[in-house]
Amino acid sequence: MTEQRPAGEMFVRSLARGLEVITAFDAEHTTMTLSEVAVRTGLSRAAARRFLHTLRELGYVRLDGAHFALTPQVLRLGTAYLSGLGLPQLVQPHLERLTGEVGESTSAAVLDGPDIVYVARVATRRIMTVGITVGTRFPAYATSMGRVLLADLTEADLDGYLAATPLVPLTERTLVRPDALRAELRQVREQGWAAVDQELEVGLCSVAAPVRDASGRVVAALNISTSALRTGSLPEAYVARVVDVARAVSDDLAHAGR
């Protein structure tokens, strides 16, 4: 069920509920029946039916028998954000060069609520059970890019994040104690990079560094990810390379005035 939020006089509840129907679909729920959508959104069946059929008429949802699914048209909802941000276009050549140097998958992500969202990626091989593409989301606390982004939050914002985000163990290595995560974020802030060893998924290691805007604010993160089963551990050379490339992207953002 979706969380109830306080609504001001300018709040359009029907629009909010329509967006909740769209975001109810994810990697684990690519197709759903009317009843399943109603349960995941907390809407009545009648309300869910109206929203689904409205979205179908607009081309955002398709119906196959009794199952609803999103259509590629939903990607248009994120196009304006990505285009305005300019980050994917700036970062992509850097990721391609970095992947060419280290022979590993590289990515860029931004923080969105409790999650990171991938905005650019160059993959060399599939190293996770879940495929990663632009738009993929993962819990920020269990990822190297997420920790880089969380480390830049103010204490008040970090308090809010921890209060609202359950730290669920995704593997036996995942940090799930708030005090341990706070200590890790302090270290990330001091050293300027974050490394995660099999906390998101067994066998996956990654190292990330921050991308800053002209004011010094962290607006994104870059990472190199590799298979612990193949390399044994994260090569130290990866740390220096991802930090250098993140600084180069930061310089590009500053020069572009973004």
C-alpha atoms as a PDB file:
ATOM      1  CA  MET A   1       0.000   0.000   0.000  1.00  0.00           C
ATOM      2  CA  THR A   2       1.277   3.474  -0.814  1.00  0.00           C
ATOM      3  CA  GLU A   3       2.234   5.847   1.967  1.00  0.00           C
ATOM      4  CA  GLN A   4      -0.282   8.589   2.689  1.00  0.00           C
ATOM      5  CA  ARG A   5       1.220  12.052   2.303  1.00  0.00           C
ATOM      6  CA  PRO A   6      -0.158  15.348   3.555  1.00  0.00           C
ATOM      7  CA  ALA A   7      -1.884  17.172   0.706  1.00  0.00           C
ATOM      8  CA  GLY A   8      -2.048  20.934   0.305  1.00  0.00           C
ATOM      9  CA  GLU A   9      -4.662  22.840  -1.624  1.00  0.00           C
ATOM     10  CA  MET A  10      -2.537  22.642  -4.810  1.00  0.00           C
ATOM     11  CA  PHE A  11      -2.188  18.863  -4.569  1.00  0.00           C
ATOM     12  CA  VAL A  12      -3.920  16.953  -7.398  1.00  0.00           C
ATOM     13  CA  ARG A  13      -4.706  13.608  -5.827  1.00  0.00           C
ATOM     14  CA  SER A  14      -5.897  11.940  -9.022  1.00  0.00           C
ATOM     15  CA  LEU A  15      -2.589  12.759 -10.746  1.00  0.00           C
ATOM     16  CA  ALA A  16      -0.668  11.373  -7.764  1.00  0.00           C
ATOM     17  CA  ARG A  17      -2.671   8.156  -7.832  1.00  0.00           C
ATOM     18  CA  GLY A  18      -2.148   7.772 -11.563  1.00  0.00           C
ATOM     19  CA  LEU A  19       1.614   8.051 -11.044  1.00  0.00           C
ATOM     20  CA  GLU A  20       1.410   5.518  -8.220  1.00  0.00           C
ATOM     21  CA  VAL A  21      -0.183   3.060 -10.628  1.00  0.00           C
ATOM     22  CA  ILE A  22       2.701   3.546 -13.071  1.00  0.00           C
ATOM     23  CA  THR A  23       5.378   3.150 -10.397  1.00  0.00           C
ATOM     24  CA  ALA A  24       3.696   0.017  -9.036  1.00  0.00           C
ATOM     25  CA  PHE A  25       5.233  -1.811 -12.002  1.00  0.00           C
ATOM     26  CA  ASP A  26       8.877  -2.789 -11.496  1.00  0.00           C
ATOM     27  CA  ALA A  27      11.364  -5.548 -12.286  1.00  0.00           C
ATOM     28  CA  GLU A  28       9.502  -8.008 -10.048  1.00  0.00           C
ATOM     29  CA  HIS A  29       6.055  -6.892 -11.236  1.00  0.00           C
ATOM     30  CA  THR A  30       6.340  -6.342 -14.989  1.00  0.00           C
ATOM     31  CA  THR A  31       2.786  -7.537 -15.571  1.00  0.00           C
ATOM     32  CA  MET A  32      -0.103  -7.456 -13.106  1.00  0.00           C
ATOM     33  CA  THR A  33      -3.795  -8.148 -12.957  1.00  0.00           C
ATOM     34  CA  LEU A  34      -6.258  -5.487 -11.896  1.00  0.00           C
ATOM     35  CA  SER A  35      -6.426  -7.014  -8.415  1.00  0.00           C
ATOM     36  CA  GLU A  36      -2.636  -7.019  -8.058  1.00  0.00           C
ATOM     37  CA  VAL A  37      -2.412  -3.353  -9.047  1.00  0.00           C
ATOM     38  CA  ALA A  38      -5.130  -2.502  -6.535  1.00  0.00           C
ATOM     39  CA  VAL A  39      -3.254  -4.287  -3.737  1.00  0.00           C
ATOM     40  CA  ARG A  40       0.135  -2.717  -4.568  1.00  0.00           C
ATOM     41  CA  THR A  41      -1.286   0.810  -4.772  1.00  0.00           C
ATOM     42  CA  GLY A  42      -3.856   0.605  -1.996  1.00  0.00           C
ATOM     43  CA  LEU A  43      -6.596   1.634  -4.402  1.00  0.00           C
ATOM     44  CA  SER A  44     -10.008   0.037  -4.678  1.00  0.00           C
ATOM     45  CA  ARG A  45     -10.518  -2.243  -7.675  1.00  0.00           C
ATOM     46  CA  ALA A  46     -12.872   0.299  -9.219  1.00  0.00           C
ATOM     47  CA  ALA A  47     -10.350   3.130  -8.869  1.00  0.00           C
ATOM     48  CA  ALA A  48      -7.496   0.973 -10.125  1.00  0.00           C
ATOM     49  CA  ARG A  49      -9.600  -0.008 -13.146  1.00  0.00           C
ATOM     50  CA  ARG A  50     -10.271   3.642 -14.019  1.00  0.00           C
ATOM     51  CA  PHE A  51      -6.620   4.631 -13.749  1.00  0.00           C
ATOM     52  CA  LEU A  52      -5.397   1.611 -15.713  1.00  0.00           C
ATOM     53  CA  HIS A  53      -7.826   2.152 -18.548  1.00  0.00           C
ATOM     54  CA  THR A  54      -7.038   5.858 -18.654  1.00  0.00           C
ATOM     55  CA  LEU A  55      -3.327   5.037 -18.911  1.00  0.00           C
ATOM     56  CA  ARG A  56      -4.173   2.477 -21.586  1.00  0.00           C
ATOM     57  CA  GLU A  57      -6.038   5.078 -23.623  1.00  0.00           C
ATOM     58  CA  LEU A  58      -3.024   7.407 -23.319  1.00  0.00           C
ATOM     59  CA  GLY A  59      -0.675   4.663 -24.477  1.00  0.00           C
ATOM     60  CA  TYR A  60       1.257   4.163 -21.233  1.00  0.00           C
ATOM     61  CA  VAL A  61      -0.236   0.770 -20.416  1.00  0.00           C
ATOM     62  CA  ARG A  62      -1.220  -2.227 -22.524  1.00  0.00           C
ATOM     63  CA  LEU A  63      -3.635  -5.040 -21.710  1.00  0.00           C
ATOM     64  CA  ASP A  64      -2.835  -8.646 -22.591  1.00  0.00           C
ATOM     65  CA  GLY A  65      -5.699 -10.862 -21.540  1.00  0.00           C
ATOM     66  CA  ALA A  66      -6.147 -10.167 -17.833  1.00  0.00           C
ATOM     67  CA  HIS A  67      -2.669  -8.693 -17.340  1.00  0.00           C
ATOM     68  CA  PHE A  68      -1.591  -5.067 -17.598  1.00  0.00           C
ATOM     69  CA  ALA A  69       1.939  -3.957 -18.453  1.00  0.00           C
ATOM     70  CA  LEU A  70       3.724  -0.681 -19.131  1.00  0.00           C
ATOM     71  CA  THR A  71       4.575   0.331 -22.688  1.00  0.00           C
ATOM     72  CA  PRO A  72       7.788   2.020 -23.888  1.00  0.00           C
ATOM     73  CA  GLN A  73       5.903   5.311 -23.917  1.00  0.00           C
ATOM     74  CA  VAL A  74       6.513   5.658 -20.155  1.00  0.00           C
ATOM     75  CA  LEU A  75      10.143   6.407 -21.002  1.00  0.00           C
ATOM     76  CA  ARG A  76       8.961   9.792 -22.266  1.00  0.00           C
ATOM     77  CA  LEU A  77       8.196  10.751 -18.669  1.00  0.00           C
ATOM     78  CA  GLY A  78      11.897  10.669 -17.840  1.00  0.00           C
ATOM     79  CA  THR A  79      13.228  12.132 -21.057  1.00  0.00           C
ATOM     80  CA  ALA A  80      12.781  15.765 -20.043  1.00  0.00           C
ATOM     81  CA  TYR A  81      14.610  15.206 -16.757  1.00  0.00           C
ATOM     82  CA  LEU A  82      17.524  13.380 -18.341  1.00  0.00           C
ATOM     83  CA  SER A  83      17.816  15.892 -21.171  1.00  0.00           C
ATOM     84  CA  GLY A  84      17.733  18.836 -18.812  1.00  0.00           C
ATOM     85  CA  LEU A  85      20.263  17.256 -16.501  1.00  0.00           C
ATOM     86  CA  GLY A  86      22.787  16.803 -19.307  1.00  0.00           C
ATOM     87  CA  LEU A  87      24.669  14.284 -17.203  1.00  0.00           C
ATOM     88  CA  PRO A  88      24.088  11.178 -19.361  1.00  0.00           C
ATOM     89  CA  GLN A  89      25.481  12.896 -22.445  1.00  0.00           C
ATOM     90  CA  LEU A  90      28.494  14.227 -20.560  1.00  0.00           C
ATOM     91  CA  VAL A  91      29.296  11.065 -18.675  1.00  0.00           C
ATOM     92  CA  GLN A  92      28.825   8.454 -21.402  1.00  0.00           C
ATOM     93  CA  PRO A  93      32.169   9.051 -23.217  1.00  0.00           C
ATOM     94  CA  HIS A  94      34.000   8.948 -19.885  1.00  0.00           C
ATOM     95  CA  LEU A  95      32.355   5.634 -18.984  1.00  0.00           C
ATOM     96  CA  GLU A  96      33.218   4.172 -22.362  1.00  0.00           C
ATOM     97  CA  ARG A  97      36.879   5.120 -21.969  1.00  0.00           C
ATOM     98  CA  LEU A  98      36.970   3.823 -18.396  1.00  0.00           C
ATOM     99  CA  THR A  99      35.418   0.505 -19.401  1.00  0.00           C
ATOM    100  CA  GLY A 100      37.942   0.267 -22.229  1.00  0.00           C
ATOM    101  CA  GLU A 101      40.783   0.747 -19.739  1.00  0.00           C
ATOM    102  CA  VAL A 102      39.709  -1.597 -16.955  1.00  0.00           C
ATOM    103  CA  GLY A 103      37.576  -4.071 -18.900  1.00  0.00           C
ATOM    104  CA  GLU A 104      34.732  -3.842 -16.372  1.00  0.00           C
ATOM    105  CA  SER A 105      31.180  -2.489 -16.368  1.00  0.00           C
ATOM    106  CA  THR A 106      30.850   1.191 -15.409  1.00  0.00           C
ATOM    107  CA  SER A 107      27.823   3.245 -14.465  1.00  0.00           C
ATOM    108  CA  ALA A 108      26.509   6.611 -13.318  1.00  0.00           C
ATOM    109  CA  ALA A 109      23.586   7.130 -10.965  1.00  0.00           C
ATOM    110  CA  VAL A 110      21.708   9.818  -9.060  1.00  0.00           C
ATOM    111  CA  LEU A 111      19.857   9.671  -5.745  1.00  0.00           C
ATOM    112  CA  ASP A 112      16.062   9.513  -5.878  1.00  0.00           C
ATOM    113  CA  GLY A 113      14.443   9.100  -2.475  1.00  0.00           C
ATOM    114  CA  PRO A 114      15.771   5.911  -0.861  1.00  0.00           C
ATOM    115  CA  ASP A 115      17.213   4.568  -4.104  1.00  0.00           C
ATOM    116  CA  ILE A 116      19.878   5.197  -6.691  1.00  0.00           C
ATOM    117  CA  VAL A 117      18.693   5.431 -10.294  1.00  0.00           C
ATOM    118  CA  TYR A 118      21.048   4.569 -13.144  1.00  0.00           C
ATOM    119  CA  VAL A 119      21.333   7.370 -15.719  1.00  0.00           C
ATOM    120  CA  ALA A 120      24.207   5.954 -17.822  1.00  0.00           C
ATOM    121  CA  ARG A 121      25.947   2.594 -18.137  1.00  0.00           C
ATOM    122  CA  VAL A 122      28.522   0.695 -20.175  1.00  0.00           C
ATOM    123  CA  ALA A 123      28.316  -3.066 -19.575  1.00  0.00           C
ATOM    124  CA  THR A 124      30.951  -5.630 -20.452  1.00  0.00           C
ATOM    125  CA  ARG A 125      29.206  -8.683 -19.045  1.00  0.00           C
ATOM    126  CA  ARG A 126      26.230  -9.507 -16.864  1.00  0.00           C
ATOM    127  CA  ILE A 127      27.428  -9.821 -13.285  1.00  0.00           C
ATOM    128  CA  MET A 128      24.086  -9.608 -11.469  1.00  0.00           C
ATOM    129  CA  THR A 129      21.032 -11.836 -11.550  1.00  0.00           C
ATOM    130  CA  VAL A 130      19.005  -8.704 -12.375  1.00  0.00           C
ATOM    131  CA  GLY A 131      19.832  -6.921 -15.607  1.00  0.00           C
ATOM    132  CA  ILE A 132      20.927  -3.293 -15.144  1.00  0.00           C
ATOM    133  CA  THR A 133      19.842  -0.598 -17.600  1.00  0.00           C
ATOM    134  CA  VAL A 134      19.221   3.148 -17.510  1.00  0.00           C
ATOM    135  CA  GLY A 135      16.368   3.607 -15.040  1.00  0.00           C
ATOM    136  CA  THR A 136      17.258   0.593 -12.849  1.00  0.00           C
ATOM    137  CA  ARG A 137      16.890   1.312  -9.146  1.00  0.00           C
ATOM    138  CA  PHE A 138      18.675  -0.194  -6.141  1.00  0.00           C
ATOM    139  CA  PRO A 139      18.603   0.661  -2.411  1.00  0.00           C
ATOM    140  CA  ALA A 140      21.189   3.390  -1.865  1.00  0.00           C
ATOM    141  CA  TYR A 141      22.466   2.030   1.470  1.00  0.00           C
ATOM    142  CA  ALA A 142      23.733  -1.219  -0.085  1.00  0.00           C
ATOM    143  CA  THR A 143      25.527   0.217  -3.140  1.00  0.00           C
ATOM    144  CA  SER A 144      28.825   2.042  -3.603  1.00  0.00           C
ATOM    145  CA  MET A 145      27.200   4.822  -5.641  1.00  0.00           C
ATOM    146  CA  GLY A 146      24.439   5.135  -3.073  1.00  0.00           C
ATOM    147  CA  ARG A 147      26.910   5.570  -0.227  1.00  0.00           C
ATOM    148  CA  VAL A 148      28.780   8.261  -2.144  1.00  0.00           C
ATOM    149  CA  LEU A 149      25.499  10.118  -2.592  1.00  0.00           C
ATOM    150  CA  LEU A 150      24.294   9.546   0.986  1.00  0.00           C
ATOM    151  CA  ALA A 151      27.639  10.745   2.366  1.00  0.00           C
ATOM    152  CA  ASP A 152      26.923  14.215   0.986  1.00  0.00           C
ATOM    153  CA  LEU A 153      23.591  14.566   2.807  1.00  0.00           C
ATOM    154  CA  THR A 154      23.268  16.927   5.743  1.00  0.00           C
ATOM    155  CA  GLU A 155      22.871  15.270   9.145  1.00  0.00           C
ATOM    156  CA  ALA A 156      19.195  16.235   9.150  1.00  0.00           C
ATOM    157  CA  ASP A 157      18.613  14.729   5.715  1.00  0.00           C
ATOM    158  CA  LEU A 158      20.504  11.581   6.670  1.00  0.00           C
ATOM    159  CA  ASP A 159      18.394  11.289   9.837  1.00  0.00           C
ATOM    160  CA  GLY A 160      15.289  11.520   7.649  1.00  0.00           C
ATOM    161  CA  TYR A 161      16.625   8.919   5.247  1.00  0.00           C
ATOM    162  CA  LEU A 162      17.385   6.432   8.026  1.00  0.00           C
ATOM    163  CA  ALA A 163      14.046   7.046   9.707  1.00  0.00           C
ATOM    164  CA  ALA A 164      12.150   6.340   6.489  1.00  0.00           C
ATOM    165  CA  THR A 165      14.286   3.552   5.007  1.00  0.00           C
ATOM    166  CA  PRO A 166      14.336   0.010   6.419  1.00  0.00           C
ATOM    167  CA  LEU A 167      17.888  -1.372   6.183  1.00  0.00           C
ATOM    168  CA  VAL A 168      17.030  -4.821   4.870  1.00  0.00           C
ATOM    169  CA  PRO A 169      19.832  -7.437   4.628  1.00  0.00           C
ATOM    170  CA  LEU A 170      20.190  -8.223   0.909  1.00  0.00           C
ATOM    171  CA  THR A 171      23.112 -10.580   1.608  1.00  0.00           C
ATOM    172  CA  GLU A 172      24.777 -11.718   4.819  1.00  0.00           C
ATOM    173  CA  ARG A 173      27.320  -8.898   4.342  1.00  0.00           C
ATOM    174  CA  THR A 174      24.857  -6.003   4.064  1.00  0.00           C
ATOM    175  CA  LEU A 175      25.271  -3.256   6.668  1.00  0.00           C
ATOM    176  CA  VAL A 176      21.913  -3.030   8.406  1.00  0.00           C
ATOM    177  CA  ARG A 177      22.768  -1.188  11.634  1.00  0.00           C
ATOM    178  CA  PRO A 178      22.198   2.572  11.296  1.00  0.00           C
ATOM    179  CA  ASP A 179      25.240   3.369  13.451  1.00  0.00           C
ATOM    180  CA  ALA A 180      27.460   1.159  11.279  1.00  0.00           C
ATOM    181  CA  LEU A 181      26.138   2.805   8.123  1.00  0.00           C
ATOM    182  CA  ARG A 182      26.715   6.273   9.591  1.00  0.00           C
ATOM    183  CA  ALA A 183      30.322   5.336  10.402  1.00  0.00           C
ATOM    184  CA  GLU A 184      30.817   4.009   6.877  1.00  0.00           C
ATOM    185  CA  LEU A 185      29.415   7.206   5.373  1.00  0.00           C
ATOM    186  CA  ARG A 186      31.782   9.302   7.495  1.00  0.00           C
ATOM    187  CA  GLN A 187      34.692   7.309   6.098  1.00  0.00           C
ATOM    188  CA  VAL A 188      33.361   7.696   2.545  1.00  0.00           C
ATOM    189  CA  ARG A 189      33.110  11.465   3.080  1.00  0.00           C
ATOM    190  CA  GLU A 190      36.694  11.646   4.346  1.00  0.00           C
ATOM    191  CA  GLN A 191      38.344   9.443   1.720  1.00  0.00           C
ATOM    192  CA  GLY A 192      36.272  10.595  -1.259  1.00  0.00           C
ATOM    193  CA  TRP A 193      35.137   7.185  -2.511  1.00  0.00           C
ATOM    194  CA  ALA A 194      33.117   4.144  -1.461  1.00  0.00           C
ATOM    195  CA  ALA A 195      33.633   0.416  -1.941  1.00  0.00           C
ATOM    196  CA  VAL A 196      31.020  -2.283  -1.414  1.00  0.00           C
ATOM    197  CA  ASP A 197      31.893  -5.970  -1.232  1.00  0.00           C
ATOM    198  CA  GLN A 198      28.946  -8.287  -1.924  1.00  0.00           C
ATOM    199  CA  GLU A 199      26.383  -6.289   0.080  1.00  0.00           C
ATOM    200  CA  LEU A 200      23.897  -5.835  -2.774  1.00  0.00           C
ATOM    201  CA  GLU A 201      24.363  -9.289  -4.286  1.00  0.00           C
ATOM    202  CA  VAL A 202      26.722 -12.163  -3.570  1.00  0.00           C
ATOM    203  CA  GLY A 203      29.652 -12.065  -5.966  1.00  0.00           C
ATOM    204  CA  LEU A 204      29.332  -8.354  -6.826  1.00  0.00           C
ATOM    205  CA  CYS A 205      31.975  -5.792  -5.809  1.00  0.00           C
ATOM    206  CA  SER A 206      32.043  -2.130  -6.780  1.00  0.00           C
ATOM    207  CA  VAL A 207      33.835   1.145  -6.107  1.00  0.00           C
ATOM    208  CA  ALA A 208      32.326   4.593  -6.659  1.00  0.00           C
ATOM    209  CA  ALA A 209      33.316   8.246  -6.545  1.00  0.00           C
ATOM    210  CA  PRO A 210      31.288  11.473  -6.453  1.00  0.00           C
ATOM    211  CA  VAL A 211      30.498  13.812  -9.328  1.00  0.00           C
ATOM    212  CA  ARG A 212      30.196  17.406  -8.105  1.00  0.00           C
ATOM    213  CA  ASP A 213      28.651  20.493  -9.626  1.00  0.00           C
ATOM    214  CA  ALA A 214      30.361  23.894  -9.717  1.00  0.00           C
ATOM    215  CA  SER A 215      29.290  24.593  -6.125  1.00  0.00           C
ATOM    216  CA  GLY A 216      30.846  21.374  -4.852  1.00  0.00           C
ATOM    217  CA  ARG A 217      27.544  19.614  -4.255  1.00  0.00           C
ATOM    218  CA  VAL A 218      27.485  15.889  -5.096  1.00  0.00           C
ATOM    219  CA  VAL A 219      24.949  15.465  -7.891  1.00  0.00           C
ATOM    220  CA  ALA A 220      25.808  11.968  -9.105  1.00  0.00           C
ATOM    221  CA  ALA A 221      28.184   9.060  -8.641  1.00  0.00           C
ATOM    222  CA  LEU A 222      30.255   6.878 -10.962  1.00  0.00           C
ATOM    223  CA  ASN A 223      31.271   3.303 -10.309  1.00  0.00           C
ATOM    224  CA  ILE A 224      33.226   0.335 -11.564  1.00  0.00           C
ATOM    225  CA  SER A 225      31.657  -3.024 -10.786  1.00  0.00           C
ATOM    226  CA  THR A 226      33.257  -6.435 -11.029  1.00  0.00           C
ATOM    227  CA  SER A 227      32.729 -10.048 -10.054  1.00  0.00           C
ATOM    228  CA  ALA A 228      34.341 -11.062  -6.780  1.00  0.00           C
ATOM    229  CA  LEU A 229      34.209 -14.639  -8.000  1.00  0.00           C
ATOM    230  CA  ARG A 230      36.406 -13.693 -10.953  1.00  0.00           C
ATOM    231  CA  THR A 231      38.819 -11.140  -9.474  1.00  0.00           C
ATOM    232  CA  GLY A 232      38.833 -12.278  -5.837  1.00  0.00           C
ATOM    233  CA  SER A 233      38.729  -8.687  -4.581  1.00  0.00           C
ATOM    234  CA  LEU A 234      38.424  -5.164  -5.894  1.00  0.00           C
ATOM    235  CA  PRO A 235      41.735  -4.091  -7.505  1.00  0.00           C
ATOM    236  CA  GLU A 236      43.219  -1.009  -5.831  1.00  0.00           C
ATOM    237  CA  ALA A 237      43.875   0.553  -9.237  1.00  0.00           C
ATOM    238  CA  TYR A 238      40.117   0.807  -9.770  1.00  0.00           C
ATOM    239  CA  VAL A 239      39.817   3.272  -6.894  1.00  0.00           C
ATOM    240  CA  ALA A 240      42.243   5.747  -8.422  1.00  0.00           C
ATOM    241  CA  ARG A 241      40.688   5.442 -11.868  1.00  0.00           C
ATOM    242  CA  VAL A 242      37.085   5.959 -10.797  1.00  0.00           C
ATOM    243  CA  VAL A 243      38.093   8.967  -8.654  1.00  0.00           C
ATOM    244  CA  ASP A 244      39.983  10.503 -11.577  1.00  0.00           C
ATOM    245  CA  VAL A 245      37.138   9.977 -14.022  1.00  0.00           C
ATOM    246  CA  ALA A 246      34.567  11.367 -11.580  1.00  0.00           C
ATOM    247  CA  ARG A 247      36.699  14.501 -11.237  1.00  0.00           C
ATOM    248  CA  ALA A 248      36.882  14.804 -15.021  1.00  0.00           C
ATOM    249  CA  VAL A 249      33.093  14.598 -15.274  1.00  0.00           C
ATOM    250  CA  SER A 250      32.797  17.197 -12.502  1.00  0.00           C
ATOM    251  CA  ASP A 251      35.066  19.500 -14.514  1.00  0.00           C
ATOM    252  CA  ASP A 252      32.899  18.983 -17.597  1.00  0.00           C
ATOM    253  CA  LEU A 253      29.776  19.856 -15.605  1.00  0.00           C
ATOM    254  CA  ALA A 254      31.429  23.030 -14.307  1.00  0.00           C
ATOM    255  CA  HIS A 255      32.555  24.054 -17.777  1.00  0.00           C
ATOM    256  CA  ALA A 256      29.083  23.397 -19.154  1.00  0.00           C
ATOM    257  CA  GLY A 257      27.604  25.618 -16.472  1.00  0.00           C
ATOM    258  CA  ARG A 258      25.461  22.831 -15.027  1.00  0.00           C
END
